[in-house]
């Protein structure tokens, strides 16, 4: 695959991955609160750490997207995993 094709694909994929990551963060936050409500503080703390780790991963994904020129116009409609 040529470098140009790789960058074009990443400009489509990265926004999707960032959104997907953010959805997971939100879901983990709900379960962190549930665990804390059920007096499972150790589990809640681990979920909190997972959220922090995923937020850091999201920052790296966003930085990568910025370095390659941002999202590809019209690329948001594609769905890749």
N, C-alpha and C. Protein backbone atom coordinates (compact mmCIF):
# COMPACT_ATOMS: atom_id res chain seq x y z
N UNK A 1 0.86 -1.18 0.00
CA UNK A 1 0.00 0.00 0.00
C UNK A 1 0.90 1.24 0.00
N UNK A 2 0.56 2.19 -0.83
CA UNK A 2 1.39 3.38 -0.91
C UNK A 2 1.18 4.25 0.33
N UNK A 3 2.16 5.09 0.60
CA UNK A 3 2.10 5.98 1.77
C UNK A 3 0.88 6.90 1.68
N UNK A 4 0.56 7.37 0.48
CA UNK A 4 -0.58 8.26 0.30
C UNK A 4 -1.89 7.55 0.66
N UNK A 5 -2.04 6.31 0.18
CA UNK A 5 -3.24 5.54 0.51
C UNK A 5 -3.35 5.28 2.00
N UNK A 6 -2.23 4.99 2.64
CA UNK A 6 -2.21 4.76 4.08
C UNK A 6 -2.69 6.00 4.83
N UNK A 7 -2.17 7.16 4.45
CA UNK A 7 -2.57 8.40 5.13
C UNK A 7 -4.04 8.71 4.90
N UNK A 8 -4.52 8.49 3.68
CA UNK A 8 -5.94 8.73 3.40
C UNK A 8 -6.81 7.82 4.25
N UNK A 9 -6.43 6.56 4.34
CA UNK A 9 -7.21 5.61 5.14
C UNK A 9 -7.17 5.99 6.62
N UNK A 10 -6.00 6.39 7.11
CA UNK A 10 -5.90 6.80 8.51
C UNK A 10 -6.74 8.05 8.80
N UNK A 11 -6.84 8.94 7.82
CA UNK A 11 -7.65 10.16 8.00
C UNK A 11 -9.14 9.82 8.09
N UNK A 12 -9.52 8.65 7.60
CA UNK A 12 -10.89 8.15 7.74
C UNK A 12 -11.03 7.33 9.03
N UNK A 13 -10.05 6.47 9.28
CA UNK A 13 -10.14 5.56 10.42
C UNK A 13 -9.97 6.25 11.77
N UNK A 14 -9.00 7.15 11.87
CA UNK A 14 -8.72 7.76 13.17
C UNK A 14 -9.92 8.48 13.78
N UNK A 15 -10.68 9.27 13.03
CA UNK A 15 -11.86 9.91 13.66
C UNK A 15 -12.84 8.87 14.21
N UNK A 16 -13.00 7.77 13.49
CA UNK A 16 -13.89 6.70 13.97
C UNK A 16 -13.35 6.08 15.25
N UNK A 17 -12.05 5.81 15.28
CA UNK A 17 -11.45 5.21 16.47
C UNK A 17 -11.55 6.15 17.67
N UNK A 18 -11.36 7.44 17.43
CA UNK A 18 -11.47 8.42 18.51
C UNK A 18 -12.90 8.43 19.06
N UNK A 19 -13.88 8.44 18.17
CA UNK A 19 -15.28 8.43 18.61
C UNK A 19 -15.59 7.13 19.37
N UNK A 20 -15.13 6.03 18.85
CA UNK A 20 -15.36 4.72 19.47
C UNK A 20 -14.74 4.69 20.87
N UNK A 21 -13.53 5.21 20.98
CA UNK A 21 -12.84 5.28 22.27
C UNK A 21 -13.64 6.14 23.25
N UNK A 22 -14.13 7.28 22.79
CA UNK A 22 -14.91 8.17 23.66
C UNK A 22 -16.20 7.48 24.14
N UNK A 23 -16.81 6.69 23.28
CA UNK A 23 -18.01 5.96 23.68
C UNK A 23 -17.69 4.94 24.78
N UNK A 24 -16.55 4.28 24.65
CA UNK A 24 -16.13 3.34 25.69
C UNK A 24 -15.86 4.07 27.01
N UNK A 25 -15.20 5.21 26.94
CA UNK A 25 -14.91 5.99 28.14
C UNK A 25 -16.21 6.34 28.87
N UNK A 26 -17.20 6.79 28.13
CA UNK A 26 -18.49 7.15 28.73
C UNK A 26 -19.14 5.93 29.40
N UNK A 27 -19.10 4.80 28.72
CA UNK A 27 -19.69 3.57 29.27
C UNK A 27 -18.94 3.11 30.52
N UNK A 28 -17.61 3.17 30.49
CA UNK A 28 -16.82 2.79 31.66
C UNK A 28 -17.15 3.70 32.84
N UNK A 29 -17.37 4.98 32.56
CA UNK A 29 -17.72 5.93 33.62
C UNK A 29 -19.02 5.56 34.32
N UNK A 30 -19.99 5.13 33.54
CA UNK A 30 -21.27 4.68 34.12
C UNK A 30 -21.04 3.49 35.05
N UNK A 31 -20.23 2.54 34.59
CA UNK A 31 -20.00 1.34 35.38
C UNK A 31 -19.10 1.63 36.58
N UNK A 32 -18.21 2.59 36.44
CA UNK A 32 -17.41 3.00 37.60
C UNK A 32 -18.34 3.49 38.71
N UNK A 33 -19.30 4.33 38.35
CA UNK A 33 -20.26 4.84 39.33
C UNK A 33 -21.10 3.72 39.93
N UNK A 34 -21.53 2.78 39.08
CA UNK A 34 -22.30 1.63 39.58
C UNK A 34 -21.49 0.83 40.59
N UNK A 35 -20.23 0.57 40.25
CA UNK A 35 -19.36 -0.21 41.15
C UNK A 35 -19.19 0.52 42.47
N UNK A 36 -19.01 1.82 42.41
CA UNK A 36 -18.83 2.61 43.63
C UNK A 36 -20.12 2.56 44.47
N UNK A 37 -21.27 2.63 43.82
CA UNK A 37 -22.56 2.56 44.50
C UNK A 37 -22.72 1.22 45.23
N UNK A 38 -22.19 0.17 44.63
CA UNK A 38 -22.30 -1.18 45.20
C UNK A 38 -21.16 -1.47 46.19
N UNK A 39 -20.45 -0.43 46.62
CA UNK A 39 -19.35 -0.56 47.58
C UNK A 39 -18.22 -1.44 47.06
N UNK A 40 -18.01 -1.40 45.76
CA UNK A 40 -16.90 -2.12 45.14
C UNK A 40 -15.83 -1.10 44.75
N UNK A 41 -15.25 -0.47 45.76
CA UNK A 41 -14.31 0.63 45.53
C UNK A 41 -13.08 0.17 44.74
N UNK A 42 -12.59 -1.04 45.01
CA UNK A 42 -11.41 -1.51 44.28
C UNK A 42 -11.71 -1.66 42.79
N UNK A 43 -12.89 -2.14 42.47
CA UNK A 43 -13.29 -2.28 41.06
C UNK A 43 -13.48 -0.89 40.45
N UNK A 44 -14.12 0.01 41.20
CA UNK A 44 -14.33 1.38 40.71
C UNK A 44 -13.00 2.05 40.42
N UNK A 45 -12.01 1.84 41.26
CA UNK A 45 -10.70 2.44 41.05
C UNK A 45 -10.02 1.89 39.79
N UNK A 46 -10.18 0.60 39.56
CA UNK A 46 -9.61 0.00 38.34
C UNK A 46 -10.30 0.53 37.09
N UNK A 47 -11.60 0.70 37.16
CA UNK A 47 -12.32 1.29 36.02
C UNK A 47 -11.89 2.73 35.81
N UNK A 48 -11.68 3.46 36.89
CA UNK A 48 -11.20 4.85 36.79
C UNK A 48 -9.83 4.88 36.10
N UNK A 49 -8.95 3.93 36.45
CA UNK A 49 -7.64 3.86 35.80
C UNK A 49 -7.78 3.53 34.32
N UNK A 50 -8.69 2.60 34.00
CA UNK A 50 -8.92 2.25 32.60
C UNK A 50 -9.39 3.48 31.81
N UNK A 51 -10.26 4.28 32.43
CA UNK A 51 -10.74 5.51 31.78
C UNK A 51 -9.57 6.45 31.51
N UNK A 52 -8.71 6.63 32.50
CA UNK A 52 -7.55 7.50 32.33
C UNK A 52 -6.63 6.99 31.22
N UNK A 53 -6.40 5.67 31.22
CA UNK A 53 -5.56 5.07 30.17
C UNK A 53 -6.17 5.31 28.79
N UNK A 54 -7.48 5.14 28.68
CA UNK A 54 -8.14 5.32 27.38
C UNK A 54 -8.14 6.79 26.97
N UNK A 55 -8.28 7.70 27.95
CA UNK A 55 -8.18 9.13 27.62
C UNK A 55 -6.82 9.47 27.07
N UNK A 56 -5.77 8.88 27.66
CA UNK A 56 -4.41 9.11 27.14
C UNK A 56 -4.27 8.53 25.74
N UNK A 57 -4.85 7.36 25.52
CA UNK A 57 -4.83 6.77 24.18
C UNK A 57 -5.56 7.66 23.19
N UNK A 58 -6.69 8.23 23.60
CA UNK A 58 -7.44 9.13 22.73
C UNK A 58 -6.64 10.37 22.36
N UNK A 59 -5.86 10.88 23.32
CA UNK A 59 -5.01 12.04 23.03
C UNK A 59 -3.98 11.67 21.97
N UNK A 60 -3.41 10.49 22.08
CA UNK A 60 -2.42 10.05 21.08
C UNK A 60 -3.07 9.88 19.70
N UNK A 61 -4.27 9.33 19.67
CA UNK A 61 -4.98 9.19 18.39
C UNK A 61 -5.26 10.56 17.79
N UNK A 62 -5.68 11.51 18.61
CA UNK A 62 -5.97 12.87 18.13
C UNK A 62 -4.71 13.54 17.61
N UNK A 63 -3.60 13.35 18.31
CA UNK A 63 -2.32 13.92 17.85
C UNK A 63 -1.91 13.32 16.51
N UNK A 64 -2.11 12.02 16.37
CA UNK A 64 -1.77 11.36 15.10
C UNK A 64 -2.62 11.93 13.97
N UNK A 65 -3.92 12.11 14.24
CA UNK A 65 -4.82 12.65 13.22
C UNK A 65 -4.40 14.07 12.84
N UNK A 66 -4.03 14.87 13.82
CA UNK A 66 -3.60 16.24 13.56
C UNK A 66 -2.34 16.26 12.70
N UNK A 67 -1.39 15.35 12.98
CA UNK A 67 -0.12 15.30 12.24
C UNK A 67 -0.32 14.96 10.76
N UNK A 68 -1.39 14.23 10.45
CA UNK A 68 -1.59 13.84 9.05
C UNK A 68 -2.62 14.72 8.35
N UNK A 69 -3.01 15.82 8.98
CA UNK A 69 -3.85 16.79 8.29
C UNK A 69 -5.31 16.78 8.66
N UNK A 70 -5.67 16.07 9.71
CA UNK A 70 -7.07 16.07 10.15
C UNK A 70 -7.90 15.09 9.36
N UNK A 71 -9.21 15.04 9.69
CA UNK A 71 -10.09 14.07 9.02
C UNK A 71 -10.21 14.36 7.53
N UNK A 72 -10.36 13.31 6.77
CA UNK A 72 -10.56 13.44 5.33
C UNK A 72 -11.99 13.92 5.10
N UNK A 73 -12.16 14.95 4.32
CA UNK A 73 -13.49 15.49 4.04
C UNK A 73 -14.36 14.39 3.44
N UNK A 74 -15.55 14.26 3.97
CA UNK A 74 -16.47 13.25 3.47
C UNK A 74 -16.16 11.84 3.92
N UNK A 75 -15.16 11.70 4.78
CA UNK A 75 -14.76 10.36 5.22
C UNK A 75 -15.55 9.83 6.39
N UNK A 76 -16.38 10.67 7.01
CA UNK A 76 -17.07 10.26 8.23
C UNK A 76 -18.10 9.16 7.99
N UNK A 77 -18.55 8.98 6.78
CA UNK A 77 -19.58 8.00 6.52
C UNK A 77 -19.06 6.57 6.46
N UNK A 78 -17.76 6.39 6.37
CA UNK A 78 -17.19 5.05 6.30
C UNK A 78 -17.12 4.45 7.67
N UNK A 79 -17.29 3.14 7.75
CA UNK A 79 -17.25 2.46 9.03
C UNK A 79 -16.28 1.31 8.92
N UNK A 80 -15.15 1.40 9.63
CA UNK A 80 -14.12 0.36 9.59
C UNK A 80 -13.75 -0.01 11.00
N UNK A 81 -13.37 -1.28 11.19
CA UNK A 81 -12.82 -1.73 12.47
C UNK A 81 -11.51 -2.38 12.24
